[in-house]
Protein backbone atom coordinates (compact mmCIF):
# COMPACT_ATOMS: atom_id res chain seq x y z
CA UNK A 1 20.09 20.00 -32.13
CA UNK A 2 18.04 17.31 -30.38
CA UNK A 3 14.98 16.33 -32.34
CA UNK A 4 11.70 16.24 -30.48
CA UNK A 5 10.57 12.59 -30.19
CA UNK A 6 7.61 11.67 -32.33
CA UNK A 7 4.56 10.75 -30.27
CA UNK A 8 3.83 7.06 -30.36
CA UNK A 9 0.50 6.08 -31.86
CA UNK A 10 0.72 2.51 -30.68
CA UNK A 11 2.30 0.38 -27.95
CA UNK A 12 2.86 -3.17 -29.05
CA UNK A 13 -0.40 -4.33 -30.60
CA UNK A 14 -2.40 -1.55 -28.94
CA UNK A 15 -3.37 1.57 -30.90
CA UNK A 16 -3.49 4.65 -28.65
CA UNK A 17 -6.69 6.68 -28.76
CA UNK A 18 -8.34 9.41 -26.70
CA UNK A 19 -7.05 10.64 -23.36
CA UNK A 20 -9.28 9.27 -20.59
CA UNK A 21 -7.37 10.45 -17.54
CA UNK A 22 -4.45 12.39 -16.16
CA UNK A 23 -1.96 11.01 -13.66
CA UNK A 24 0.82 12.63 -11.67
CA UNK A 25 3.46 11.61 -14.21
CA UNK A 26 1.52 11.63 -17.48
CA UNK A 27 -1.72 10.91 -19.30
CA UNK A 28 -3.92 7.83 -19.40
CA UNK A 29 -5.08 6.91 -22.89
CA UNK A 30 -7.56 4.42 -24.26
CA UNK A 31 -5.88 1.65 -26.23
CA UNK A 32 -7.34 -0.89 -28.66
CA UNK A 33 -5.78 -4.23 -29.60
CA UNK A 34 -5.54 -4.29 -33.39
CA UNK A 35 -6.04 -8.07 -33.48
CA UNK A 36 -8.81 -8.67 -30.94
CA UNK A 37 -10.41 -5.24 -30.51
CA UNK A 38 -9.88 -5.46 -26.74
CA UNK A 39 -9.94 -2.10 -24.95
CA UNK A 40 -7.20 -1.27 -22.46
CA UNK A 41 -6.14 1.75 -20.41
CA UNK A 42 -2.55 2.84 -21.08
CA UNK A 43 -0.95 4.86 -18.31
CA UNK A 44 1.95 6.85 -19.76
CA UNK A 45 4.76 7.81 -17.39
CA UNK A 46 7.08 10.47 -18.76
CA UNK A 47 10.55 10.13 -17.29
CA UNK A 48 11.05 13.90 -17.21
CA UNK A 49 8.10 14.21 -14.83
CA UNK A 50 9.75 11.84 -12.35
CA UNK A 51 11.83 14.36 -10.40
CA UNK A 52 13.23 12.41 -7.45
CA UNK A 53 14.59 8.98 -6.54
CA UNK A 54 11.67 8.64 -4.14
CA UNK A 55 9.20 9.06 -7.00
CA UNK A 56 11.11 6.53 -9.10
CA UNK A 57 11.01 4.00 -6.25
CA UNK A 58 7.29 4.68 -5.86
CA UNK A 59 6.65 3.89 -9.54
CA UNK A 60 8.83 0.76 -9.47
CA UNK A 61 7.08 -0.49 -6.33
CA UNK A 62 3.62 0.10 -7.81
CA UNK A 63 4.54 -1.82 -10.97
CA UNK A 64 6.09 -4.71 -9.07
CA UNK A 65 3.13 -4.99 -6.69
CA UNK A 66 0.50 -4.81 -9.41
CA UNK A 67 2.25 -7.47 -11.49
CA UNK A 68 1.99 -9.79 -8.45
CA UNK A 69 -1.70 -9.22 -7.80
CA UNK A 70 -4.22 -11.44 -9.55
CA UNK A 71 -7.74 -10.84 -8.23
CA UNK A 72 -11.02 -10.17 -10.10
CA UNK A 73 -11.62 -6.98 -8.09
CA UNK A 74 -8.14 -5.52 -8.53
CA UNK A 75 -7.36 -3.81 -11.83
CA UNK A 76 -5.14 -6.10 -13.89
CA UNK A 77 -1.77 -4.71 -15.00
CA UNK A 78 -1.21 -6.71 -18.16
CA UNK A 79 2.34 -5.59 -18.84
CA UNK A 80 4.82 -2.74 -18.67
CA UNK A 81 6.59 -1.43 -21.79
CA UNK A 82 9.64 0.79 -21.28
CA UNK A 83 10.77 3.03 -24.14
CA UNK A 84 14.12 4.59 -23.23
CA UNK A 85 14.39 6.41 -26.55
CA UNK A 86 11.06 8.14 -26.06
CA UNK A 87 11.69 8.61 -22.33
CA UNK A 88 8.43 6.94 -21.38
CA UNK A 89 7.07 3.91 -19.59
CA UNK A 90 3.69 2.44 -20.57
CA UNK A 91 1.58 0.56 -18.03
CA UNK A 92 -1.13 -1.39 -19.84
CA UNK A 93 -4.22 -2.06 -17.70
CA UNK A 94 -7.53 -3.73 -18.27
CA UNK A 95 -10.13 -1.09 -19.12
CA UNK A 96 -12.84 -0.30 -16.55
CA UNK A 97 -15.49 1.17 -18.83
CA UNK A 98 -17.90 2.52 -16.20
CA UNK A 99 -15.47 4.93 -14.57
CA UNK A 100 -15.05 5.70 -10.88
CA UNK A 101 -17.25 4.69 -7.96
CA UNK A 102 -17.07 8.37 -6.96
CA UNK A 103 -19.00 9.43 -10.05
CA UNK A 104 -21.43 6.55 -9.57
CA UNK A 105 -22.29 7.78 -6.04
CA UNK A 106 -22.61 11.38 -7.24
CA UNK A 107 -25.00 10.25 -9.99
CA UNK A 108 -27.09 7.85 -7.88
CA UNK A 109 -26.86 9.42 -4.43
CA UNK A 110 -27.47 7.30 -1.37
CA UNK A 111 -27.53 3.59 -2.21
CA UNK A 112 -29.67 0.94 -0.64
CA UNK A 113 -27.82 -1.30 1.79
CA UNK A 114 -28.39 -4.16 -0.63
CA UNK A 115 -26.63 -2.34 -3.47
CA UNK A 116 -23.89 -1.08 -1.18
CA UNK A 117 -23.31 -4.60 0.11
CA UNK A 118 -22.43 -5.86 -3.38
CA UNK A 119 -19.65 -3.27 -3.67
CA UNK A 120 -18.40 -3.82 -0.12
CA UNK A 121 -18.17 -7.60 -0.49
CA UNK A 122 -15.95 -7.15 -3.54
CA UNK A 123 -13.77 -4.55 -1.78
CA UNK A 124 -13.40 -6.79 1.28
CA UNK A 125 -12.47 -9.80 -0.86
CA UNK A 126 -9.76 -7.81 -2.67
CA UNK A 127 -8.44 -6.28 0.55
CA UNK A 128 -8.22 -9.67 2.27
CA UNK A 129 -6.14 -10.84 -0.70
CA UNK A 130 -3.81 -7.82 -0.54
CA UNK A 131 -3.27 -8.00 3.21
CA UNK A 132 -2.63 -11.73 2.99
CA UNK A 133 0.27 -10.89 0.67
CA UNK A 134 1.40 -8.27 3.24
CA UNK A 135 0.44 -5.44 0.85
CA UNK A 136 -1.33 -2.33 2.15
CA UNK A 137 -2.92 0.12 -0.29
CA UNK A 138 -2.96 3.33 1.85
CA UNK A 139 -5.06 5.36 -0.61
CA UNK A 140 -8.45 3.69 -0.80
CA UNK A 141 -11.20 6.11 -1.85
CA UNK A 142 -14.09 6.07 -4.36
CA UNK A 143 -11.90 7.78 -6.97
CA UNK A 144 -9.53 4.77 -6.88
CA UNK A 145 -12.34 2.21 -7.13
CA UNK A 146 -13.18 1.67 -10.79
CA UNK A 147 -16.20 -0.11 -12.27
CA UNK A 148 -16.14 -2.51 -15.22
CA UNK A 149 -18.93 -3.10 -17.72
CA UNK A 150 -20.79 -5.24 -15.14
CA UNK A 151 -20.36 -2.57 -12.43
CA UNK A 152 -17.90 -4.73 -10.53
CA UNK A 153 -15.24 -3.10 -8.36
CA UNK A 154 -11.66 -2.80 -9.63
CA UNK A 155 -9.26 -1.39 -7.04
CA UNK A 156 -6.68 0.79 -8.78
CA UNK A 157 -3.81 3.21 -8.13
CA UNK A 158 -1.31 1.37 -5.92
CA UNK A 159 1.15 4.26 -6.10
CA UNK A 160 1.21 4.70 -2.31
CA UNK A 161 1.09 1.00 -1.46
CA UNK A 162 3.80 -0.74 0.54
CA UNK A 163 4.89 -4.08 1.99
CA UNK A 164 4.46 -4.94 5.66
CA UNK A 165 7.30 -6.57 7.58
CA UNK A 166 7.68 -7.65 11.22
CA UNK A 167 9.12 -4.82 13.29
CA UNK A 168 8.50 -2.31 10.52
CA UNK A 169 6.22 0.61 11.29
CA UNK A 170 5.28 3.30 8.81
CA UNK A 171 5.38 7.01 9.48
CA UNK A 172 4.61 8.27 5.98
CA UNK A 173 1.83 10.82 5.77
CA UNK A 174 -0.06 9.71 2.69
CA UNK A 175 -3.51 9.24 1.26
CA UNK A 176 -6.45 11.63 0.99
CA UNK A 177 -7.67 13.63 3.97
CA UNK A 178 -11.33 12.57 3.85
CA UNK A 179 -10.28 8.91 4.02
CA UNK A 180 -7.13 9.17 6.17
CA UNK A 181 -7.17 7.48 9.58
CA UNK A 182 -6.47 9.28 12.88
CA UNK A 183 -2.96 7.84 13.35
CA UNK A 184 -1.89 9.27 9.98
CA UNK A 185 -3.52 12.64 10.68
CA UNK A 186 -1.68 12.83 14.02
CA UNK A 187 1.64 11.97 12.41
CA UNK A 188 2.00 8.79 14.44
CA UNK A 189 3.64 5.54 13.39
CA UNK A 190 1.27 2.84 12.20
CA UNK A 191 1.37 -0.87 11.36
CA UNK A 192 -0.66 -0.95 8.15
CA UNK A 193 -3.90 -2.97 7.92
CA UNK A 194 -5.87 -0.54 10.08
CA UNK A 195 -5.22 2.26 7.59
CA UNK A 196 -7.15 0.41 4.88
CA UNK A 197 -9.88 -0.72 7.28
CA UNK A 198 -10.58 2.90 8.25
CA UNK A 199 -10.72 3.96 4.59
CA UNK A 200 -13.26 1.33 3.57
CA UNK A 201 -15.30 2.27 6.64
CA UNK A 202 -15.53 5.81 5.28
CA UNK A 203 -16.38 4.39 1.84
CA UNK A 204 -19.21 2.31 3.34
CA UNK A 205 -20.55 5.45 5.04
CA UNK A 206 -20.48 7.29 1.69
CA UNK A 207 -22.37 4.46 0.00
CA UNK A 208 -25.21 4.13 2.50
CA UNK A 209 -25.50 7.78 3.56
CA UNK A 210 -24.72 9.53 0.28
CA UNK A 211 -22.15 11.94 1.65
CA UNK A 212 -18.83 11.97 3.45
CA UNK A 213 -18.92 11.67 7.26
CA UNK A 214 -16.81 14.78 7.89
CA UNK A 215 -16.62 18.10 6.12
CA UNK A 216 -14.90 21.46 6.59
CA UNK A 217 -13.84 24.55 4.66
CA UNK A 218 -10.13 23.76 4.81
CA UNK A 219 -7.66 20.99 5.61
CA UNK A 220 -7.10 22.01 9.23
CA UNK A 221 -10.82 22.13 9.91
CA UNK A 222 -11.31 18.72 8.30
CA UNK A 223 -8.57 17.16 10.43
CA UNK A 224 -10.06 18.63 13.60
CA UNK A 225 -13.51 17.32 12.64
CA UNK A 226 -12.19 13.78 12.11
CA UNK A 227 -10.15 13.76 15.32
CA UNK A 228 -12.49 15.65 17.63
CA UNK A 229 -16.10 15.58 16.45
CA UNK A 230 -16.72 11.84 16.41
CA UNK A 231 -18.99 10.03 13.96
CA UNK A 232 -22.59 11.07 13.36
CA UNK A 233 -24.65 8.14 12.10
CA UNK A 234 -27.98 9.20 10.59
CA UNK A 235 -31.18 7.31 11.22
CA UNK A 236 -32.49 4.85 8.70
CA UNK A 237 -29.56 2.45 8.70
CA UNK A 238 -29.92 -1.11 9.92
CA UNK A 239 -28.41 -2.06 13.28
CA UNK A 240 -25.98 -4.43 11.56
CA UNK A 241 -24.75 -1.69 9.21
CA UNK A 242 -24.25 0.76 12.08
CA UNK A 243 -22.38 -1.89 14.07
CA UNK A 244 -20.00 -2.57 11.18
CA UNK A 245 -19.40 1.15 10.61
CA UNK A 246 -18.59 1.77 14.26
CA UNK A 247 -16.18 -1.17 14.40
CA UNK A 248 -14.31 -0.07 11.28
CA UNK A 249 -14.11 3.60 12.33
CA UNK A 250 -12.66 3.15 15.80
CA UNK A 251 -10.01 5.73 16.65
CA UNK A 252 -7.29 3.23 17.64
CA UNK A 253 -5.98 1.07 14.82
CA UNK A 254 -5.62 -1.81 17.29
CA UNK A 255 -9.34 -1.67 18.12
CA UNK A 256 -10.59 -1.73 14.53
CA UNK A 257 -12.25 -4.87 13.30
CA UNK A 258 -9.80 -6.99 11.24
CA UNK A 259 -10.58 -7.97 7.68
CA UNK A 260 -11.10 -11.63 8.67
CA UNK A 261 -13.99 -10.59 10.94
CA UNK A 262 -15.41 -8.14 8.41
CA UNK A 263 -15.77 -11.09 6.00
CA UNK A 264 -18.03 -12.91 8.44
CA UNK A 265 -19.91 -9.89 9.81
CA UNK A 266 -23.73 -10.38 9.64
CA UNK A 267 -24.19 -7.29 7.45
CA UNK A 268 -21.68 -8.59 4.87
CA UNK A 269 -23.23 -12.07 4.78
CA UNK A 270 -26.88 -10.93 4.67
CA UNK A 271 -28.60 -12.01 1.47
CA UNK A 272 -25.65 -14.22 0.45
CA UNK A 273 -25.47 -16.73 3.26
CA UNK A 274 -21.67 -16.87 3.16
CA UNK A 275 -18.59 -14.63 3.26
CA UNK A 276 -17.26 -12.99 0.08
CA UNK A 277 -15.29 -15.18 -2.31
CA UNK A 278 -11.72 -15.78 -1.22
CA UNK A 279 -8.85 -15.81 -3.71
CA UNK A 280 -6.02 -16.57 -1.33
CA UNK A 281 -2.99 -18.20 -2.94
CA UNK A 282 -1.94 -21.75 -1.95
CA UNK A 283 0.77 -22.08 0.67
CA UNK A 284 3.13 -24.69 2.07
CA UNK A 285 1.77 -27.11 4.70
CA UNK A 286 2.54 -26.17 8.31
CA UNK A 287 3.70 -29.03 10.52
CA UNK A 288 5.43 -27.16 13.36
CA UNK A 289 4.62 -23.78 14.86
CA UNK A 290 7.33 -21.12 14.97
CA UNK A 291 6.37 -19.00 17.98
CA UNK A 292 8.27 -15.96 16.68
CA UNK A 293 5.89 -15.92 13.70
CA UNK A 294 2.93 -16.00 16.10
CA UNK A 295 4.40 -12.90 17.74
CA UNK A 296 4.79 -11.30 14.31
CA UNK A 297 1.15 -12.01 13.46
CA UNK A 298 0.12 -10.21 16.64
CA UNK A 299 2.35 -7.16 16.11
CA UNK A 300 1.08 -6.82 12.52
CA UNK A 301 -2.54 -6.77 13.77
CA UNK A 302 -3.55 -10.09 12.24
CA UNK A 303 -4.43 -11.40 15.72
CA UNK A 304 -7.04 -9.73 17.89
CA UNK A 305 -5.68 -10.91 21.24
CA UNK A 306 -2.62 -12.41 22.91
CA UNK A 307 -4.57 -14.38 25.48
CA UNK A 308 -3.55 -18.01 25.72
CA UNK A 309 -6.92 -19.56 24.79
CA UNK A 310 -7.13 -17.42 21.66
CA UNK A 311 -3.52 -18.18 20.70
CA UNK A 312 -4.22 -21.90 21.10
CA UNK A 313 -7.10 -21.58 18.63
CA UNK A 314 -4.75 -19.74 16.24
CA UNK A 315 -2.21 -22.57 16.44
CA UNK A 316 -4.99 -25.06 15.78
CA UNK A 317 -6.09 -23.10 12.69
CA UNK A 318 -2.53 -22.94 11.38
CA UNK A 319 -1.97 -26.67 11.80
CA UNK A 320 -5.28 -27.39 10.03
CA UNK A 321 -3.63 -25.99 6.85
CA UNK A 322 -6.92 -24.65 5.56
CA UNK A 323 -6.57 -21.84 3.04
CA UNK A 324 -7.23 -18.98 5.44
CA UNK A 325 -5.63 -15.58 5.74
CA UNK A 326 -3.69 -16.59 8.86
CA UNK A 327 -2.21 -19.65 7.14
CA UNK A 328 -1.16 -17.63 4.08
CA UNK A 329 0.34 -14.77 6.11
CA UNK A 330 2.14 -17.22 8.45
CA UNK A 331 3.83 -18.84 5.44
CA UNK A 332 4.89 -15.49 3.97
CA UNK A 333 6.34 -14.33 7.29
CA UNK A 334 8.17 -17.64 7.66
CA UNK A 335 9.61 -17.23 4.14
CA UNK A 336 10.73 -13.69 5.01
CA UNK A 337 12.47 -14.98 8.12
CA UNK A 338 14.21 -17.80 6.25
CA UNK A 339 15.42 -15.45 3.50
CA UNK A 340 16.80 -13.00 6.06
CA UNK A 341 18.58 -15.82 7.88
CA UNK A 342 20.15 -17.06 4.62
CA UNK A 343 21.27 -13.52 3.77
CA UNK A 344 22.75 -13.13 7.25
CA UNK A 345 24.74 -16.38 6.95
CA UNK A 346 25.90 -15.44 3.44
CA UNK A 347 27.09 -12.05 4.65
CA UNK A 348 28.98 -13.64 7.56
CA UNK A 349 30.71 -16.08 5.21
CA UNK A 350 31.67 -13.29 2.82
CA UNK A 351 33.17 -11.28 5.65
CA UNK A 352 35.07 -14.33 6.88
CA UNK A 353 36.49 -15.01 3.41
CA UNK A 354 37.43 -11.37 2.94
CA UNK A 355 39.27 -11.37 6.26
CA UNK A 356 41.29 -14.44 5.23
CA UNK A 357 42.52 -12.64 2.12
CA UNK A 358 43.74 -9.59 4.03
CA UNK A 359 47.59 -9.45 4.42
CA UNK A 360 48.84 -9.83 7.95
CA UNK A 361 49.99 -6.58 9.53
CA UNK A 362 53.62 -6.56 10.83
CA UNK A 363 54.09 -6.85 14.57
CA UNK A 364 55.02 -3.33 15.65
CA UNK A 365 56.20 -4.55 19.07
CA UNK A 366 59.33 -6.05 17.48
CA UNK A 367 61.99 -3.63 16.23
CA UNK A 368 65.41 -4.16 14.65
CA UNK A 369 67.87 -2.09 16.69
CA UNK A 370 70.68 -2.74 14.19
CA UNK A 371 68.96 -1.10 11.25
CA UNK A 372 67.08 1.84 12.64
CA UNK A 373 66.88 4.44 9.87
CA UNK A 374 67.63 8.04 10.63
CA UNK A 375 64.64 10.23 11.18
CA UNK A 376 65.82 12.66 8.52
CA UNK A 377 66.00 9.95 5.88
CA UNK A 378 62.55 8.47 6.48
CA UNK A 379 60.53 11.36 7.76
CA UNK A 380 57.42 11.79 5.59
CA UNK A 381 54.55 14.14 5.76
CA UNK A 382 51.39 12.38 6.88
CA UNK A 383 47.89 13.41 5.98
CA UNK A 384 45.55 14.13 8.83
CA UNK A 385 42.22 12.37 8.67
CA UNK A 386 39.32 13.96 10.43
CA UNK A 387 36.32 11.88 11.45
CA UNK A 388 33.00 13.67 11.42
CA UNK A 389 30.17 12.11 13.35
CA UNK A 390 26.78 13.20 12.11
CA UNK A 391 23.32 12.51 13.45
CA UNK A 392 20.34 12.02 11.20
CA UNK A 393 16.94 13.06 12.45
CA UNK A 394 13.88 11.07 11.53
CA UNK A 395 11.50 12.56 9.02
CA UNK A 396 8.22 13.83 10.35
CA UNK A 397 5.09 14.69 8.40
CA UNK A 398 5.00 18.21 7.08
CA UNK A 399 2.24 20.51 8.23
CA UNK A 400 -0.68 20.49 5.89
CA UNK A 401 -1.46 23.52 3.81
CA UNK A 402 -4.70 24.84 5.23
CA UNK A 403 -5.63 26.40 1.93
CA UNK A 404 -6.00 23.09 0.13
CA UNK A 405 -7.58 24.00 -3.17
CA UNK A 406 -8.83 20.46 -3.76
CA UNK A 407 -11.24 20.77 -0.85
CA UNK A 408 -13.01 23.63 -2.63
CA UNK A 409 -14.32 21.61 -5.59
CA UNK A 410 -17.88 20.43 -5.05
CA UNK A 411 -20.16 18.10 -6.90
CA UNK A 412 -23.70 18.43 -5.57
CA UNK A 413 -23.36 17.90 -1.78
CA UNK A 414 -20.11 15.95 -2.32
CA UNK A 415 -16.56 17.15 -2.23
CA UNK A 416 -14.01 15.44 -4.39
CA UNK A 417 -11.24 14.37 -2.06
CA UNK A 418 -7.91 16.06 -1.90
CA UNK A 419 -5.28 14.59 -4.16
CA UNK A 420 -3.25 11.83 -2.59
CA UNK A 421 -0.28 13.10 -0.64
CA UNK A 422 2.77 11.31 0.60
CA UNK A 423 5.34 13.28 2.59
């Protein structure tokens, strides 16, 4: 008889305490370092709750991405502890003691533009950092924006995040309906950055208006409202705030304002006199311009135009080697290209070596008429091999369940968003 594993009361030097949350694959518990007293959040993933290979890849990707990210406004994944005997994985995060931005908005209602600006500057700084590393979040919403003891933003839950690559377009239906962009709701392919831009546009609206921009009784009605009704901006907002909202919530992902321009938008800079702090990583100096990388920057929506004058200014910025988003992304794309080229050459060499080792086949055009065996002596039964050619259709987003129970929960005049979905 298999004995039931004893529940762990500690992970490393952290003593596990009360449950403070519930994830898709297990609980989130408060942990305390027995030596320093530091509080942490321990996300427990139970292997038995991970049903598919897709879910396993999703967890692995989230862990790998979070371990790469080092930004003051992104929740810090300190380490991952795997316990095969217990059938659990423990993700140890810094503890955000003030909970979710969602609950903060519910408690405080509509914020002043000044207070909202503090949150938005931190979100924009973190998002610039992510996009510069070619990482898109794809599930930004107030529930995934945590607050530390100083009420500073900590972006969390990268379970639906992914890595952008040249020529790669996403068709995954994921995120939460209230914050999902039109291209996702229509089931269209998308590049990536515009998905996050739309989501933080909705978040800004929630902050300065005190409610979500679209509402409906069910999922189908909500989708129709987002796609058909347009955006209603109430009076009382400054012209700069309205301008930023309208630029972030444009229907086409290609028309949305890029993160580099959001950083320098007058509303973001007001009261600070400068863009949000940048935490871009250092990169290699650029001495020559690879024009294929320029094309990649454009297709990935990092460039706003392909007109020659604008592209000349882009080349000038790249050659200046200042620590800007374009310089960092250019270097990453160049590294991707070089790695792929090395892999291609390595594969060619391996194939060439394998071919050399193959024995030469006899020349069937030459026959020995003096030693032809009789057919009766050599006749053997041969196995027939059938070749089946199959076609694989591309996955398309599943139709949404109109009776989405998550849309029915209300807090005051707010609705908690539907749980994140990823078909």
